[in-house]
Amino acid sequence: METTVDSKKFFILYKPKDIVSGDFYYAISHKHPGSKVEKFYLCTADCTGHGVPGAFMSMLNISYLNESIIEKNISSPNEILNHIRAEIITSLNPEGSEEESKDGMDCILCAFDFTNNKLDYAAANNSFYIIRNNELISCPADKMPVGKSPKETEPFTLKTVDLKKGDVVYTLTDGLPDQFGGPKGKKFKYKQLEDLLMTNCHLPMDEQKDILSKQFESWKGNLEQVDDVLLIGIRI
């Protein structure tokens, strides 16, 4: 029974803007009490800020992911995000505080069931892609963060996708599409990234990572990196 991802079937492109990062990835296999299958959880996250403030938020959110999945045995990605949001809002806005903190994270939280080839997910602001038979499928996100916002009382949405052998799942933050560069100093943008993924999705995962990394560096050129960059690919 396969519950983890073979090293040849995934890549992680991770380029922090500074030594420490507001982007983070979290992965764990966990079997909840009463469940017949073990799930592989993958969170691809972009916390408020970068550098030290972003890293502080990363540590806080990783702690709450562990608490939700391992200690409280919450299994559904949407309920996990609901729980983390409540904890984040409470932690950053203690009673008596004069300033309201809206720090939090945008993220994609996937729960892979490799036994039955199913993917449950919930996403906050950041959508992601599945490429299947040369078709790019966009998996939409709820337009709200895991943190304080006008929609903080709305529950996150649980979505389920039936996976097929050969599918490639790409989760990401906005750092790569938002990078300025190229001949006119403009943003890389999602369309160019989508085209790049479609062109190279058939290649071995380590080659895909190398191409994406080189393309990013070439686009950036001598300009400053504007944000942390995170992109993860998994072949089913």
C-alpha atoms as a PDB file:
ATOM      1  CA  MET A   1       0.000   0.000   0.000  1.00  0.00           C
ATOM      2  CA  GLU A   2       1.577   3.267  -1.154  1.00  0.00           C
ATOM      3  CA  THR A   3       1.167   6.165   1.290  1.00  0.00           C
ATOM      4  CA  THR A   4       4.198   8.281   0.458  1.00  0.00           C
ATOM      5  CA  VAL A   5       5.604   9.861  -2.682  1.00  0.00           C
ATOM      6  CA  ASP A   6       8.524   8.200  -4.485  1.00  0.00           C
ATOM      7  CA  SER A   7      11.498  10.569  -4.720  1.00  0.00           C
ATOM      8  CA  LYS A   8      11.477  10.301  -8.526  1.00  0.00           C
ATOM      9  CA  LYS A   9       7.835  11.338  -8.658  1.00  0.00           C
ATOM     10  CA  PHE A  10       8.080  14.807  -7.177  1.00  0.00           C
ATOM     11  CA  PHE A  11      10.140  17.980  -7.063  1.00  0.00           C
ATOM     12  CA  ILE A  12      10.227  20.992  -4.754  1.00  0.00           C
ATOM     13  CA  LEU A  13      11.365  24.315  -6.219  1.00  0.00           C
ATOM     14  CA  TYR A  14      12.042  26.483  -3.176  1.00  0.00           C
ATOM     15  CA  LYS A  15      13.742  29.862  -3.444  1.00  0.00           C
ATOM     16  CA  PRO A  16      13.416  32.038  -0.325  1.00  0.00           C
ATOM     17  CA  LYS A  17      13.891  35.751  -0.921  1.00  0.00           C
ATOM     18  CA  ASP A  18      15.979  35.967   2.279  1.00  0.00           C
ATOM     19  CA  ILE A  19      17.752  33.379   4.433  1.00  0.00           C
ATOM     20  CA  VAL A  20      14.462  32.550   6.152  1.00  0.00           C
ATOM     21  CA  SER A  21      11.093  32.494   4.446  1.00  0.00           C
ATOM     22  CA  GLY A  22       7.383  33.227   4.701  1.00  0.00           C
ATOM     23  CA  ASP A  23       6.714  30.442   2.192  1.00  0.00           C
ATOM     24  CA  PHE A  24       6.831  26.916   3.580  1.00  0.00           C
ATOM     25  CA  TYR A  25       5.824  23.395   2.664  1.00  0.00           C
ATOM     26  CA  TYR A  26       4.554  20.789   5.096  1.00  0.00           C
ATOM     27  CA  ALA A  27       4.162  17.080   4.381  1.00  0.00           C
ATOM     28  CA  ILE A  28       3.074  14.212   6.610  1.00  0.00           C
ATOM     29  CA  SER A  29       1.501  10.771   6.266  1.00  0.00           C
ATOM     30  CA  HIS A  30      -1.136  10.168   8.900  1.00  0.00           C
ATOM     31  CA  LYS A  31      -3.800   7.566   9.581  1.00  0.00           C
ATOM     32  CA  HIS A  32      -6.641   8.911  11.669  1.00  0.00           C
ATOM     33  CA  PRO A  33      -8.334   6.703  14.283  1.00  0.00           C
ATOM     34  CA  GLY A  34     -11.171   4.753  12.676  1.00  0.00           C
ATOM     35  CA  SER A  35      -9.941   5.374   9.139  1.00  0.00           C
ATOM     36  CA  LYS A  36      -9.049   2.476   6.837  1.00  0.00           C
ATOM     37  CA  VAL A  37      -6.545   4.468   4.774  1.00  0.00           C
ATOM     38  CA  GLU A  38      -3.481   6.543   5.525  1.00  0.00           C
ATOM     39  CA  LYS A  39      -3.496  10.000   3.957  1.00  0.00           C
ATOM     40  CA  PHE A  40      -0.585  12.052   2.719  1.00  0.00           C
ATOM     41  CA  TYR A  41      -1.045  15.705   3.633  1.00  0.00           C
ATOM     42  CA  LEU A  42       0.775  18.389   1.669  1.00  0.00           C
ATOM     43  CA  CYS A  43       0.488  22.076   2.492  1.00  0.00           C
ATOM     44  CA  THR A  44       1.986  24.682   0.147  1.00  0.00           C
ATOM     45  CA  ALA A  45       1.800  27.985   1.985  1.00  0.00           C
ATOM     46  CA  ASP A  46       2.585  31.691   1.678  1.00  0.00           C
ATOM     47  CA  CYS A  47       2.532  33.522   5.002  1.00  0.00           C
ATOM     48  CA  THR A  48       2.201  37.261   5.442  1.00  0.00           C
ATOM     49  CA  GLY A  49       5.602  38.881   4.864  1.00  0.00           C
ATOM     50  CA  HIS A  50       8.991  37.330   4.150  1.00  0.00           C
ATOM     51  CA  GLY A  51      12.298  37.206   5.995  1.00  0.00           C
ATOM     52  CA  VAL A  52      12.071  37.008   9.798  1.00  0.00           C
ATOM     53  CA  PRO A  53       8.404  38.169  10.145  1.00  0.00           C
ATOM     54  CA  GLY A  54       7.370  35.671   7.464  1.00  0.00           C
ATOM     55  CA  ALA A  55       9.397  32.909   9.118  1.00  0.00           C
ATOM     56  CA  PHE A  56       7.661  33.595  12.447  1.00  0.00           C
ATOM     57  CA  MET A  57       4.272  33.144  10.750  1.00  0.00           C
ATOM     58  CA  SER A  58       5.550  29.968   9.056  1.00  0.00           C
ATOM     59  CA  MET A  59       6.525  28.458  12.417  1.00  0.00           C
ATOM     60  CA  LEU A  60       3.155  29.374  13.907  1.00  0.00           C
ATOM     61  CA  ASN A  61       1.213  27.841  11.028  1.00  0.00           C
ATOM     62  CA  ILE A  62       3.343  24.661  10.982  1.00  0.00           C
ATOM     63  CA  SER A  63       2.631  24.299  14.700  1.00  0.00           C
ATOM     64  CA  TYR A  64      -1.109  24.606  14.091  1.00  0.00           C
ATOM     65  CA  LEU A  65      -0.970  22.108  11.213  1.00  0.00           C
ATOM     66  CA  ASN A  66       0.634  19.571  13.552  1.00  0.00           C
ATOM     67  CA  GLU A  67      -1.922  20.335  16.244  1.00  0.00           C
ATOM     68  CA  SER A  68      -4.860  19.961  13.851  1.00  0.00           C
ATOM     69  CA  ILE A  69      -3.771  16.765  12.096  1.00  0.00           C
ATOM     70  CA  ILE A  70      -1.831  14.854  14.762  1.00  0.00           C
ATOM     71  CA  GLU A  71      -3.189  16.013  18.126  1.00  0.00           C
ATOM     72  CA  LYS A  72      -6.803  16.866  17.312  1.00  0.00           C
ATOM     73  CA  ASN A  73      -7.086  14.269  14.511  1.00  0.00           C
ATOM     74  CA  ILE A  74      -8.969  16.591  12.169  1.00  0.00           C
ATOM     75  CA  SER A  75      -8.959  14.818   8.813  1.00  0.00           C
ATOM     76  CA  SER A  76     -10.721  17.101   6.295  1.00  0.00           C
ATOM     77  CA  PRO A  77      -8.511  19.830   4.779  1.00  0.00           C
ATOM     78  CA  ASN A  78     -11.301  22.430   5.003  1.00  0.00           C
ATOM     79  CA  GLU A  79     -11.862  21.744   8.709  1.00  0.00           C
ATOM     80  CA  ILE A  80      -8.109  21.891   9.307  1.00  0.00           C
ATOM     81  CA  LEU A  81      -7.979  25.367   7.725  1.00  0.00           C
ATOM     82  CA  ASN A  82     -11.034  26.456   9.728  1.00  0.00           C
ATOM     83  CA  HIS A  83      -9.287  25.394  12.929  1.00  0.00           C
ATOM     84  CA  ILE A  84      -5.971  27.044  12.029  1.00  0.00           C
ATOM     85  CA  ARG A  85      -7.731  30.287  11.105  1.00  0.00           C
ATOM     86  CA  ALA A  86      -9.476  30.442  14.482  1.00  0.00           C
ATOM     87  CA  GLU A  87      -6.188  29.759  16.301  1.00  0.00           C
ATOM     88  CA  ILE A  88      -4.264  32.340  14.255  1.00  0.00           C
ATOM     89  CA  ILE A  89      -6.858  35.072  14.838  1.00  0.00           C
ATOM     90  CA  THR A  90      -6.912  34.360  18.578  1.00  0.00           C
ATOM     91  CA  SER A  91      -3.119  34.194  18.868  1.00  0.00           C
ATOM     92  CA  LEU A  92      -2.462  37.442  17.001  1.00  0.00           C
ATOM     93  CA  ASN A  93      -5.375  39.382  18.489  1.00  0.00           C
ATOM     94  CA  PRO A  94      -5.308  38.804  22.259  1.00  0.00           C
ATOM     95  CA  GLU A  95      -7.911  40.500  24.433  1.00  0.00           C
ATOM     96  CA  GLY A  96      -7.029  44.111  25.126  1.00  0.00           C
ATOM     97  CA  SER A  97      -4.781  44.526  22.088  1.00  0.00           C
ATOM     98  CA  GLU A  98      -5.185  47.958  20.480  1.00  0.00           C
ATOM     99  CA  GLU A  99      -4.113  47.062  16.941  1.00  0.00           C
ATOM    100  CA  GLU A 100      -5.873  44.404  14.872  1.00  0.00           C
ATOM    101  CA  SER A 101      -3.535  41.918  13.170  1.00  0.00           C
ATOM    102  CA  LYS A 102      -4.597  40.522   9.816  1.00  0.00           C
ATOM    103  CA  ASP A 103      -1.500  38.346   9.412  1.00  0.00           C
ATOM    104  CA  GLY A 104      -2.082  34.772   8.299  1.00  0.00           C
ATOM    105  CA  MET A 105      -1.424  32.695   5.209  1.00  0.00           C
ATOM    106  CA  ASP A 106      -2.616  31.823   1.742  1.00  0.00           C
ATOM    107  CA  CYS A 107      -2.250  28.099   1.147  1.00  0.00           C
ATOM    108  CA  ILE A 108      -3.234  24.898  -0.615  1.00  0.00           C
ATOM    109  CA  LEU A 109      -3.829  21.940   1.720  1.00  0.00           C
ATOM    110  CA  CYS A 110      -4.053  18.595  -0.083  1.00  0.00           C
ATOM    111  CA  ALA A 111      -4.905  15.216   1.406  1.00  0.00           C
ATOM    112  CA  PHE A 112      -3.841  12.466  -1.008  1.00  0.00           C
ATOM    113  CA  ASP A 113      -5.387   9.014  -0.754  1.00  0.00           C
ATOM    114  CA  PHE A 114      -2.973   7.046  -2.939  1.00  0.00           C
ATOM    115  CA  THR A 115      -4.841   3.777  -2.255  1.00  0.00           C
ATOM    116  CA  ASN A 116      -8.002   5.014  -3.965  1.00  0.00           C
ATOM    117  CA  ASN A 117      -6.422   7.735  -6.133  1.00  0.00           C
ATOM    118  CA  LYS A 118      -8.422  10.544  -4.562  1.00  0.00           C
ATOM    119  CA  LEU A 119      -7.404  14.052  -3.618  1.00  0.00           C
ATOM    120  CA  ASP A 120      -9.302  16.097  -1.045  1.00  0.00           C
ATOM    121  CA  TYR A 121      -8.254  19.723  -0.780  1.00  0.00           C
ATOM    122  CA  ALA A 122      -9.060  23.138   0.581  1.00  0.00           C
ATOM    123  CA  ALA A 123      -7.330  26.274  -0.660  1.00  0.00           C
ATOM    124  CA  ALA A 124      -7.078  29.827   0.639  1.00  0.00           C
ATOM    125  CA  ASN A 125      -6.565  32.388  -2.172  1.00  0.00           C
ATOM    126  CA  ASN A 126      -4.067  30.215  -4.093  1.00  0.00           C
ATOM    127  CA  SER A 127      -5.369  27.858  -6.791  1.00  0.00           C
ATOM    128  CA  PHE A 128      -3.299  25.036  -8.304  1.00  0.00           C
ATOM    129  CA  TYR A 129      -3.058  22.799 -11.368  1.00  0.00           C
ATOM    130  CA  ILE A 130      -3.436  19.214 -12.474  1.00  0.00           C
ATOM    131  CA  ILE A 131      -2.140  18.276 -15.929  1.00  0.00           C
ATOM    132  CA  ARG A 132      -3.838  15.205 -17.395  1.00  0.00           C
ATOM    133  CA  ASN A 133      -3.435  13.944 -20.971  1.00  0.00           C
ATOM    134  CA  ASN A 134      -1.991  17.280 -22.098  1.00  0.00           C
ATOM    135  CA  GLU A 135      -4.897  19.190 -20.554  1.00  0.00           C
ATOM    136  CA  LEU A 136      -4.374  21.753 -17.806  1.00  0.00           C
ATOM    137  CA  ILE A 137      -7.038  21.582 -15.091  1.00  0.00           C
ATOM    138  CA  SER A 138      -7.240  24.545 -12.710  1.00  0.00           C
ATOM    139  CA  CYS A 139      -8.306  23.737  -9.138  1.00  0.00           C
ATOM    140  CA  PRO A 140      -9.918  26.869  -7.660  1.00  0.00           C
ATOM    141  CA  ALA A 141      -9.439  28.348  -4.205  1.00  0.00           C
ATOM    142  CA  ASP A 142     -11.706  30.138  -1.752  1.00  0.00           C
ATOM    143  CA  LYS A 143     -11.052  33.872  -2.048  1.00  0.00           C
ATOM    144  CA  MET A 144     -10.084  34.389   1.584  1.00  0.00           C
ATOM    145  CA  PRO A 145      -6.947  33.903   3.688  1.00  0.00           C
ATOM    146  CA  VAL A 146      -6.295  31.699   6.698  1.00  0.00           C
ATOM    147  CA  GLY A 147      -6.451  34.693   9.022  1.00  0.00           C
ATOM    148  CA  LYS A 148      -8.549  37.710   9.880  1.00  0.00           C
ATOM    149  CA  SER A 149     -10.638  39.016   6.963  1.00  0.00           C
ATOM    150  CA  PRO A 150     -14.198  40.115   6.117  1.00  0.00           C
ATOM    151  CA  LYS A 151     -14.952  36.440   5.353  1.00  0.00           C
ATOM    152  CA  GLU A 152     -13.451  34.990   8.530  1.00  0.00           C
ATOM    153  CA  THR A 153     -16.791  33.447   9.628  1.00  0.00           C
ATOM    154  CA  GLU A 154     -17.252  31.617   6.317  1.00  0.00           C
ATOM    155  CA  PRO A 155     -16.078  27.979   6.350  1.00  0.00           C
ATOM    156  CA  PHE A 156     -13.497  26.835   3.835  1.00  0.00           C
ATOM    157  CA  THR A 157     -14.752  24.599   1.030  1.00  0.00           C
ATOM    158  CA  LEU A 158     -13.822  20.924   0.737  1.00  0.00           C
ATOM    159  CA  LYS A 159     -13.258  19.774  -2.842  1.00  0.00           C
ATOM    160  CA  THR A 160     -12.536  16.230  -4.057  1.00  0.00           C
ATOM    161  CA  VAL A 161     -10.728  15.258  -7.249  1.00  0.00           C
ATOM    162  CA  ASP A 162     -10.498  11.747  -8.705  1.00  0.00           C
ATOM    163  CA  LEU A 163      -6.878  11.269  -9.741  1.00  0.00           C
ATOM    164  CA  LYS A 164      -5.618   9.129 -12.619  1.00  0.00           C
ATOM    165  CA  LYS A 165      -2.268   7.441 -13.071  1.00  0.00           C
ATOM    166  CA  GLY A 166       0.045   9.818 -14.905  1.00  0.00           C
ATOM    167  CA  ASP A 167      -1.584  13.006 -13.567  1.00  0.00           C
ATOM    168  CA  VAL A 168       0.874  15.684 -12.472  1.00  0.00           C
ATOM    169  CA  VAL A 169      -0.259  17.927  -9.612  1.00  0.00           C
ATOM    170  CA  TYR A 170       1.421  21.338  -9.271  1.00  0.00           C
ATOM    171  CA  THR A 171       0.887  23.398  -6.109  1.00  0.00           C
ATOM    172  CA  LEU A 172       2.449  26.827  -5.751  1.00  0.00           C
ATOM    173  CA  THR A 173       2.603  30.244  -4.148  1.00  0.00           C
ATOM    174  CA  ASP A 174       2.509  33.527  -6.085  1.00  0.00           C
ATOM    175  CA  GLY A 175       6.244  34.284  -5.895  1.00  0.00           C
ATOM    176  CA  LEU A 176       7.199  32.925  -9.310  1.00  0.00           C
ATOM    177  CA  PRO A 177       4.322  34.452 -11.341  1.00  0.00           C
ATOM    178  CA  ASP A 178       4.808  37.820  -9.577  1.00  0.00           C
ATOM    179  CA  GLN A 179       8.544  38.082 -10.316  1.00  0.00           C
ATOM    180  CA  PHE A 180       9.516  41.094 -12.414  1.00  0.00           C
ATOM    181  CA  GLY A 181      11.985  40.630 -15.248  1.00  0.00           C
ATOM    182  CA  GLY A 182      12.242  39.740 -18.891  1.00  0.00           C
ATOM    183  CA  PRO A 183      13.041  42.239 -21.657  1.00  0.00           C
ATOM    184  CA  LYS A 184      10.472  44.792 -20.407  1.00  0.00           C
ATOM    185  CA  GLY A 185      10.791  44.308 -16.634  1.00  0.00           C
ATOM    186  CA  LYS A 186       7.254  42.939 -16.325  1.00  0.00           C
ATOM    187  CA  LYS A 187       5.748  40.153 -14.208  1.00  0.00           C
ATOM    188  CA  PHE A 188       6.330  36.539 -15.235  1.00  0.00           C
ATOM    189  CA  LYS A 189       2.560  35.932 -14.847  1.00  0.00           C
ATOM    190  CA  TYR A 190       0.527  32.753 -14.540  1.00  0.00           C
ATOM    191  CA  LYS A 191      -0.072  32.264 -18.271  1.00  0.00           C
ATOM    192  CA  GLN A 192       3.654  31.969 -18.992  1.00  0.00           C
ATOM    193  CA  LEU A 193       4.029  29.552 -16.068  1.00  0.00           C
ATOM    194  CA  GLU A 194       1.104  27.438 -17.283  1.00  0.00           C
ATOM    195  CA  ASP A 195       2.630  27.225 -20.751  1.00  0.00           C
ATOM    196  CA  LEU A 196       5.975  26.217 -19.228  1.00  0.00           C
ATOM    197  CA  LEU A 197       4.353  23.463 -17.146  1.00  0.00           C
ATOM    198  CA  MET A 198       2.390  22.164 -20.139  1.00  0.00           C
ATOM    199  CA  THR A 199       5.509  22.076 -22.328  1.00  0.00           C
ATOM    200  CA  ASN A 200       7.602  20.130 -19.816  1.00  0.00           C
ATOM    201  CA  CYS A 201       5.125  18.039 -17.789  1.00  0.00           C
ATOM    202  CA  HIS A 202       6.170  14.827 -19.582  1.00  0.00           C
ATOM    203  CA  LEU A 203       9.812  15.163 -18.497  1.00  0.00           C
ATOM    204  CA  PRO A 204      11.337  13.538 -15.393  1.00  0.00           C
ATOM    205  CA  MET A 205      10.538  15.594 -12.303  1.00  0.00           C
ATOM    206  CA  ASP A 206      14.143  16.631 -11.591  1.00  0.00           C
ATOM    207  CA  GLU A 207      14.458  17.943 -15.156  1.00  0.00           C
ATOM    208  CA  GLN A 208      11.247  19.937 -14.769  1.00  0.00           C
ATOM    209  CA  LYS A 209      12.607  21.522 -11.599  1.00  0.00           C
ATOM    210  CA  ASP A 210      15.856  22.438 -13.331  1.00  0.00           C
ATOM    211  CA  ILE A 211      14.030  24.050 -16.275  1.00  0.00           C
ATOM    212  CA  LEU A 212      11.715  26.053 -13.986  1.00  0.00           C
ATOM    213  CA  SER A 213      14.624  27.224 -11.844  1.00  0.00           C
ATOM    214  CA  LYS A 214      16.698  28.319 -14.841  1.00  0.00           C
ATOM    215  CA  GLN A 215      13.703  30.042 -16.436  1.00  0.00           C
ATOM    216  CA  PHE A 216      13.022  31.957 -13.218  1.00  0.00           C
ATOM    217  CA  GLU A 217      16.650  33.078 -12.862  1.00  0.00           C
ATOM    218  CA  SER A 218      16.817  34.055 -16.522  1.00  0.00           C
ATOM    219  CA  TRP A 219      13.602  36.083 -16.257  1.00  0.00           C
ATOM    220  CA  LYS A 220      14.731  37.798 -13.043  1.00  0.00           C
ATOM    221  CA  GLY A 221      18.108  38.687 -14.519  1.00  0.00           C
ATOM    222  CA  ASN A 222      19.744  41.440 -12.459  1.00  0.00           C
ATOM    223  CA  LEU A 223      16.508  42.522 -10.813  1.00  0.00           C
ATOM    224  CA  GLU A 224      15.790  41.886  -7.144  1.00  0.00           C
ATOM    225  CA  GLN A 225      13.755  38.823  -6.205  1.00  0.00           C
ATOM    226  CA  VAL A 226      10.442  40.286  -5.062  1.00  0.00           C
ATOM    227  CA  ASP A 227       9.069  37.427  -2.955  1.00  0.00           C
ATOM    228  CA  ASP A 228       9.664  33.901  -1.705  1.00  0.00           C
ATOM    229  CA  VAL A 229       9.173  31.283  -4.426  1.00  0.00           C
ATOM    230  CA  LEU A 230       7.643  27.811  -3.916  1.00  0.00           C
ATOM    231  CA  LEU A 231       6.380  25.332  -6.517  1.00  0.00           C
ATOM    232  CA  ILE A 232       5.851  21.611  -5.931  1.00  0.00           C
ATOM    233  CA  GLY A 233       5.150  18.960  -8.556  1.00  0.00           C
ATOM    234  CA  ILE A 234       3.880  15.416  -7.855  1.00  0.00           C
ATOM    235  CA  ARG A 235       3.342  12.745 -10.491  1.00  0.00           C
ATOM    236  CA  ILE A 236       0.590  10.246  -9.605  1.00  0.00           C
END
